[in-house]
Amino acid sequence: MDRPPAMFIADSLGLDFLNSVATPVDTPVDWLGDGDGLIDWMAQARLVPAEELDAVKARARPGELDEVAGEARALREWFRGFVREHAGQPLGPAALQELGPLNNLLEQDEMFSRIEPRSGDSHHSLALRTTRRWQSSRSLLLPIGEAMAKFVCEEDFSDVKACEGHSCTMLFADHTRRRARRWCIMAVCGNRAKQAAHRSRLKSRQ
């Protein structure tokens, strides 16, 4: 399936995961619709190094990545319900009891640190890097879970909004100074709203 480039407009990768299914130009698109879509979205999100994605794809048995994409979609819709329930107000400790599915995923992670050459350093110094063992195709869910967890712990849910565009399903974190952001993308939903308002004014004058 041909898909347009994924959209990363939420100012938070955890919310961009929710926006991996959307209707950007009248036609619904699910960037996680199958295994290839999951690989492509993760590459665009820069959640997994390209060489690791290639290795996971090469090792996967037939249909395995499609199964993982299905798990990712189920995780996405569970998290959408959680975010929509709590959006617009600070997230308190009581919400922890609802986060069992996410904590269960995080507990499966196999991260470790190792010393590597520091990238872009002409003096060839060393740096401590954190990486993970990609034991199976299902390991692709782990960096997604990490992005979701960072969003939960670091974002003020009072700033989480839904785009006001007609039929738009996108969510975003409003980090503008006056918290006045209304649209996922001003050039798309914002302009459509302006055009609709203009047509309405013209019609009322007739």
Protein backbone atom coordinates (compact mmCIF):
# COMPACT_ATOMS: atom_id res chain seq x y z
CA MET A 1 0.00 0.00 0.00
CA ASP A 2 1.29 3.45 -0.95
CA ARG A 3 1.20 5.81 2.00
CA PRO A 4 2.09 9.49 2.20
CA PRO A 5 4.95 10.37 4.57
CA ALA A 6 4.00 9.99 8.22
CA MET A 7 2.99 13.14 10.07
CA PHE A 8 4.85 14.28 13.18
CA ILE A 9 2.99 17.39 14.27
CA ALA A 10 2.11 16.70 17.90
CA ASP A 11 5.24 18.13 19.53
CA SER A 12 5.42 14.83 21.40
CA LEU A 13 6.40 11.47 19.97
CA GLY A 14 3.94 9.69 22.26
CA LEU A 15 1.09 11.65 20.68
CA ASP A 16 2.56 11.23 17.20
CA PHE A 17 2.14 7.50 17.78
CA LEU A 18 -1.60 8.10 18.25
CA ASN A 19 -1.57 10.18 15.06
CA SER A 20 -0.19 7.22 13.10
CA VAL A 21 -3.78 6.77 11.96
CA ALA A 22 -5.36 9.95 10.66
CA THR A 23 -7.27 11.60 7.84
CA PRO A 24 -4.82 14.24 6.61
CA VAL A 25 -6.53 15.00 3.28
CA ASP A 26 -10.02 13.48 3.38
CA THR A 27 -8.76 9.88 3.02
CA PRO A 28 -8.03 7.84 6.18
CA VAL A 29 -4.47 6.55 6.40
CA ASP A 30 -3.16 3.98 8.89
CA TRP A 31 0.62 4.07 8.81
CA LEU A 32 0.67 0.92 10.98
CA GLY A 33 -1.70 -1.02 8.75
CA ASP A 34 0.77 -3.85 8.22
CA GLY A 35 4.30 -4.90 9.06
CA ASP A 36 5.92 -2.86 6.31
CA GLY A 37 3.99 0.19 7.46
CA LEU A 38 5.19 -0.31 11.02
CA ILE A 39 8.81 -0.55 9.85
CA ASP A 40 8.44 2.58 7.68
CA TRP A 41 6.77 4.59 10.47
CA MET A 42 9.45 3.65 12.99
CA ALA A 43 12.17 4.61 10.53
CA GLN A 44 10.54 8.01 9.96
CA ALA A 45 10.09 8.46 13.71
CA ARG A 46 13.78 7.56 14.19
CA LEU A 47 12.84 5.23 17.01
CA VAL A 48 15.11 2.43 15.81
CA PRO A 49 18.44 2.63 13.95
CA ALA A 50 18.02 1.76 10.27
CA GLU A 51 20.45 -1.16 10.46
CA GLU A 52 18.47 -2.69 13.35
CA LEU A 53 15.21 -2.34 11.45
CA ASP A 54 16.78 -4.09 8.46
CA ALA A 55 18.04 -6.89 10.70
CA VAL A 56 14.66 -7.37 12.40
CA LYS A 57 12.92 -7.45 9.03
CA ALA A 58 15.40 -9.97 7.64
CA ARG A 59 14.91 -12.32 10.62
CA ALA A 60 11.12 -12.11 10.76
CA ARG A 61 9.14 -15.17 9.72
CA PRO A 62 6.30 -14.66 7.18
CA GLY A 63 3.45 -12.70 8.73
CA GLU A 64 5.34 -11.97 11.95
CA LEU A 65 5.70 -8.24 11.37
CA ASP A 66 2.02 -8.01 10.45
CA GLU A 67 1.21 -9.56 13.85
CA VAL A 68 3.41 -7.03 15.63
CA ALA A 69 1.74 -4.22 13.67
CA GLY A 70 -1.60 -5.52 14.95
CA GLU A 71 -0.28 -5.39 18.53
CA ALA A 72 0.94 -1.85 17.89
CA ARG A 73 -2.52 -0.81 16.68
CA ALA A 74 -4.16 -2.35 19.74
CA LEU A 75 -1.65 -0.55 22.00
CA ARG A 76 -2.33 2.69 20.14
CA GLU A 77 -6.09 2.50 20.62
CA TRP A 78 -5.76 1.61 24.31
CA PHE A 79 -3.46 4.61 24.78
CA ARG A 80 -5.82 6.86 22.80
CA GLY A 81 -8.58 6.07 25.28
CA PHE A 82 -6.29 6.87 28.19
CA VAL A 83 -5.11 10.17 26.69
CA ARG A 84 -8.60 11.33 25.70
CA GLU A 85 -9.93 10.54 29.17
CA HIS A 86 -7.25 12.63 30.87
CA ALA A 87 -6.60 15.37 28.30
CA GLY A 88 -7.16 18.92 29.48
CA GLN A 89 -6.28 18.38 33.12
CA PRO A 90 -3.13 17.53 35.09
CA LEU A 91 -2.40 13.83 35.33
CA GLY A 92 -2.41 12.69 38.95
CA PRO A 93 -1.00 9.61 40.73
CA ALA A 94 -4.41 7.92 40.59
CA ALA A 95 -3.90 7.40 36.86
CA LEU A 96 -1.15 4.90 37.61
CA GLN A 97 -3.66 2.11 38.13
CA GLU A 98 -4.76 2.55 34.50
CA LEU A 99 -1.24 2.23 33.11
CA GLY A 100 -0.81 -1.49 33.67
CA PRO A 101 -0.62 -2.37 29.95
CA LEU A 102 2.16 0.16 29.43
CA ASN A 103 4.14 -0.91 32.49
CA ASN A 104 3.81 -4.55 31.41
CA LEU A 105 5.38 -3.64 28.07
CA LEU A 106 8.18 -1.61 29.66
CA GLU A 107 9.10 -4.51 31.93
CA GLN A 108 10.01 -6.58 28.87
CA ASP A 109 12.74 -4.18 27.76
CA GLU A 110 16.37 -5.33 27.60
CA MET A 111 18.35 -2.12 27.59
CA PHE A 112 22.03 -1.84 28.36
CA SER A 113 24.83 0.70 28.13
CA ARG A 114 28.12 0.38 26.28
CA ILE A 115 31.06 2.57 25.37
CA GLU A 116 31.21 3.68 21.75
CA PRO A 117 33.05 6.31 19.67
CA ARG A 118 31.44 9.71 20.05
CA SER A 119 29.78 10.56 16.75
CA GLY A 120 30.94 13.69 14.96
CA ASP A 121 33.93 14.12 17.26
CA SER A 122 37.18 14.84 15.43
CA HIS A 123 39.16 14.03 18.59
CA HIS A 124 37.87 10.44 18.54
CA SER A 125 36.68 10.52 22.15
CA LEU A 126 34.34 7.98 23.67
CA ALA A 127 30.74 8.16 24.91
CA LEU A 128 28.44 5.95 26.96
CA ARG A 129 25.43 4.95 24.84
CA THR A 130 22.23 3.22 25.85
CA THR A 131 20.84 0.65 23.44
CA ARG A 132 18.69 -2.48 23.59
CA ARG A 133 18.76 -6.07 22.46
CA TRP A 134 16.36 -6.63 19.56
CA GLN A 135 15.49 -10.22 20.46
CA SER A 136 12.43 -10.49 18.23
CA SER A 137 10.12 -8.49 15.98
CA ARG A 138 8.01 -7.74 19.05
CA SER A 139 10.96 -5.76 20.42
CA LEU A 140 9.85 -3.01 18.05
CA LEU A 141 7.09 -2.21 20.54
CA LEU A 142 9.62 -1.31 23.23
CA PRO A 143 10.79 2.10 21.92
CA ILE A 144 7.14 2.95 21.26
CA GLY A 145 6.36 2.12 24.88
CA GLU A 146 9.29 4.27 25.99
CA ALA A 147 7.97 7.23 23.96
CA MET A 148 4.51 6.78 25.47
CA ALA A 149 5.96 6.57 29.00
CA LYS A 150 8.00 9.74 28.50
CA PHE A 151 4.88 11.51 27.33
CA VAL A 152 2.92 10.35 30.38
CA CYS A 153 5.64 11.36 32.83
CA GLU A 154 6.97 14.56 31.24
CA GLU A 155 3.99 16.19 29.52
CA ASP A 156 1.37 18.38 31.20
CA PHE A 157 -1.91 16.76 30.16
CA SER A 158 -3.53 20.19 30.51
CA ASP A 159 -1.78 21.05 27.24
CA VAL A 160 -3.11 18.05 25.31
CA LYS A 161 -5.68 19.08 22.70
CA ALA A 162 -7.58 17.63 19.78
CA CYS A 163 -7.44 19.45 16.47
CA GLU A 164 -10.60 21.50 15.90
CA GLY A 165 -10.63 20.66 12.20
CA HIS A 166 -13.77 19.02 10.84
CA SER A 167 -13.34 15.22 10.92
CA CYS A 168 -9.69 15.57 11.99
CA THR A 169 -8.62 13.06 14.64
CA MET A 170 -5.16 14.39 15.40
CA LEU A 171 -3.97 15.22 18.91
CA PHE A 172 -1.14 17.53 19.90
CA ALA A 173 0.56 19.12 22.89
CA ASP A 174 0.01 22.87 22.85
CA HIS A 175 3.32 24.44 23.82
CA THR A 176 2.54 27.89 22.41
CA ARG A 177 3.04 30.80 24.81
CA ARG A 178 -0.67 31.52 25.23
CA ARG A 179 -1.77 27.91 24.76
CA ALA A 180 -3.84 29.13 21.81
CA ARG A 181 -3.05 26.42 19.26
CA ARG A 182 -6.22 25.04 17.65
CA TRP A 183 -5.08 23.07 14.62
CA CYS A 184 -2.85 20.09 13.88
CA ILE A 185 -1.44 21.96 10.89
CA MET A 186 -2.49 25.54 10.21
CA ALA A 187 -1.91 25.11 6.47
CA VAL A 188 -4.41 22.23 6.35
CA CYS A 189 -7.13 22.27 9.01
CA GLY A 190 -6.65 25.93 9.90
CA ASN A 191 -7.03 27.10 6.31
CA ARG A 192 -10.03 24.83 5.78
CA ALA A 193 -11.73 26.37 8.80
CA LYS A 194 -11.00 29.88 7.51
CA GLN A 195 -12.40 29.01 4.08
CA ALA A 196 -15.52 27.48 5.64
CA ALA A 197 -16.04 30.58 7.79
CA HIS A 198 -15.58 32.81 4.73
CA ARG A 199 -18.16 30.83 2.75
CA SER A 200 -20.56 31.01 5.69
CA ARG A 201 -20.21 34.81 5.87
CA LEU A 202 -20.82 35.16 2.13
CA LYS A 203 -23.88 32.95 2.35
CA SER A 204 -25.33 34.94 5.25
CA ARG A 205 -25.06 38.13 3.21
CA GLN A 206 -27.04 36.74 0.33
